[in-house]
């Protein structure tokens, strides 16, 4: 039987970094018990729609994902691009209103490791190192989002447009 690490050899470092404190054997058990799922999205696939309820956290194992918004005139505002090792939904999962505000789209072929809220809580309760790593991920994401919003707020329209086009 192929192990989860072998199956995802392209992202072994990402998995070990995220699941700090857990052994390869423990990860194998989580996978066999269906506590960890894998999903694959083709380039251009919508991963999450606006107003969709966030029921899980997803770790990007491979690919690029964009978070964007379309207005009524069809104009697109790309809020963020997430790469290998980033988390989708981590900041929403424990919210009182866990709904995606924006569209989440696979910019390239993308592979995700998926944990439901229940399974994430289970893993967090088992290892304090994992809890600490998860909180670091969420704090880093909040900082990056705040920084991006600050950059948009402080720039002229022309500067914001250039940043958007170059991003």
Foldseek 3Di string as FASTA:
>chain_A
DQAPCNVLVLQNVLVCLLLPPDDSVVVRVCVVVVQKDKDKDAAFDWPAAFFDAQFKKKAWRAAKKWWWAADPVGDIDTQDMDGHNAMPQLVQNPDPRSGHHTIIGGNHITMIIIGGPVSLVVSVVVDVVNVVSSVVNVVVVVVVSVVSVVVCVPDDPVVNVVVRVVD
